[in-house]
Amino acid sequence: MNRPRMTAYANVLLRLLLQRAGEDCNRIFLINWTTTDWYSLTLEGERHTASFAIGGPEPQRFASLWLAGLSDAEFSMPSGFVADIEVVGCPTLREDGKVEVQIEALTLDD
């Protein structure tokens, strides 16, 4: 099965999001990631939407800790920057006991 590759900004952003979880990053499972081109009159970049499932003990608490302060976080990217990032809606408890969260972000070229 051929899968579309993630863009360079998407790969870096995913890595940076997982780094926020530290040693517990293995509790975070990527469900879906979409990236679309984004343009304004003077800037260009990418809009990202990602869904994650969080497992392990107390997934709701872990999700809250992982996402705390996300919209104010500084992300160091080799090129470009994260102009905007936020959690969409509230984390939801799934039937399998995992918590699902959705994040949207805008990355811009330098």
Protein backbone atom coordinates (compact mmCIF):
# COMPACT_ATOMS: atom_id res chain seq x y z
CA MET A 1 0.00 0.00 0.00
CA ASN A 2 1.40 3.40 -0.94
CA ARG A 3 1.05 6.07 1.70
CA PRO A 4 1.62 9.76 1.18
CA ARG A 5 4.78 10.93 2.89
CA MET A 6 4.63 13.53 5.61
CA THR A 7 6.19 16.86 4.74
CA ALA A 8 9.41 18.03 6.38
CA TYR A 9 7.53 20.46 8.64
CA ALA A 10 5.03 17.74 9.61
CA ASN A 11 7.84 15.34 10.54
CA VAL A 12 9.62 17.92 12.68
CA LEU A 13 6.40 19.02 14.37
CA LEU A 14 5.44 15.43 15.20
CA ARG A 15 8.88 14.80 16.69
CA LEU A 16 8.66 17.99 18.78
CA LEU A 17 5.17 17.10 20.05
CA LEU A 18 6.36 13.67 21.13
CA GLN A 19 9.42 15.17 22.83
CA ARG A 20 7.05 17.16 25.07
CA ALA A 21 5.99 13.83 26.60
CA GLY A 22 9.55 12.86 27.50
CA GLU A 23 10.11 9.22 28.37
CA ASP A 24 6.35 8.55 28.21
CA CYS A 25 6.11 9.35 24.50
CA ASN A 26 5.42 5.66 23.84
CA ARG A 27 1.95 6.21 25.34
CA ILE A 28 1.01 8.48 22.41
CA PHE A 29 -0.23 6.86 19.21
CA LEU A 30 -0.70 8.82 15.99
CA ILE A 31 -4.14 8.11 14.52
CA ASN A 32 -4.27 10.58 11.65
CA TRP A 33 -2.24 13.46 10.24
CA THR A 34 -3.21 15.76 7.40
CA THR A 35 -1.22 18.64 5.99
CA THR A 36 -2.44 21.24 3.53
CA ASP A 37 -0.60 24.14 1.95
CA TRP A 38 -1.41 27.54 3.45
CA TYR A 39 -0.87 30.97 1.88
CA SER A 40 -1.46 34.60 2.72
CA LEU A 41 -0.42 37.67 0.75
CA THR A 42 3.06 37.68 2.27
CA LEU A 43 3.56 34.28 3.90
CA GLU A 44 3.36 30.62 3.01
CA GLY A 45 3.35 27.49 5.08
CA GLU A 46 1.34 24.46 6.04
CA ARG A 47 -1.77 23.80 8.13
CA HIS A 48 -1.58 20.52 10.10
CA THR A 49 -4.33 18.55 11.78
CA ALA A 50 -3.34 15.58 13.91
CA SER A 51 -5.29 13.08 16.01
CA PHE A 52 -3.65 11.07 18.76
CA ALA A 53 -4.75 8.28 21.11
CA ILE A 54 -3.18 8.22 24.55
CA GLY A 55 -2.98 4.95 26.46
CA GLY A 56 -1.53 3.72 29.71
CA PRO A 57 -2.60 4.47 33.26
CA GLU A 58 -4.66 7.62 33.81
CA PRO A 59 -4.68 8.67 30.14
CA GLN A 60 -6.85 11.74 30.81
CA ARG A 61 -4.37 13.07 33.38
CA PHE A 62 -1.43 12.33 31.10
CA ALA A 63 -3.15 14.09 28.17
CA SER A 64 -3.73 17.17 30.35
CA LEU A 65 -0.07 17.27 31.38
CA TRP A 66 1.17 16.70 27.80
CA LEU A 67 -1.05 19.42 26.35
CA ALA A 68 -0.70 21.98 29.17
CA GLY A 69 0.57 25.27 27.80
CA LEU A 70 0.73 23.94 24.24
CA SER A 71 -0.60 27.13 22.64
CA ASP A 72 2.18 29.14 24.34
CA ALA A 73 4.96 26.60 23.73
CA GLU A 74 8.09 27.55 21.80
CA PHE A 75 9.17 25.00 19.21
CA SER A 76 12.69 25.07 17.81
CA MET A 77 12.60 24.04 14.16
CA PRO A 78 15.66 23.87 11.88
CA SER A 79 13.82 26.08 9.39
CA GLY A 80 10.47 27.75 9.54
CA PHE A 81 8.49 28.16 12.74
CA VAL A 82 5.25 27.20 14.45
CA ALA A 83 3.04 30.27 14.15
CA ASP A 84 -0.01 28.78 15.86
CA ILE A 85 -0.84 25.54 17.65
CA GLU A 86 -3.85 24.53 19.70
CA VAL A 87 -5.87 21.62 21.01
CA VAL A 88 -9.18 21.28 19.18
CA GLY A 89 -12.10 20.55 21.49
CA CYS A 90 -11.71 18.48 24.62
CA PRO A 91 -9.91 15.16 24.94
CA THR A 92 -12.46 12.34 24.65
CA LEU A 93 -12.45 8.94 26.30
CA ARG A 94 -12.72 6.14 23.76
CA GLU A 95 -14.36 2.74 24.29
CA ASP A 96 -10.92 1.09 24.43
CA GLY A 97 -9.95 3.23 27.44
CA LYS A 98 -7.60 5.51 25.49
CA VAL A 99 -8.07 9.25 25.34
CA GLU A 100 -8.24 10.87 21.92
CA VAL A 101 -6.99 14.40 21.29
CA GLN A 102 -6.83 16.55 18.18
CA ILE A 103 -4.24 19.26 17.55
CA GLU A 104 -4.11 21.88 14.81
CA ALA A 105 -0.99 23.83 13.94
CA LEU A 106 0.25 26.34 11.40
CA THR A 107 3.91 26.21 10.36
CA LEU A 108 5.35 29.04 8.29
CA ASP A 109 8.45 29.34 6.14
CA ASP A 110 11.21 31.69 7.37
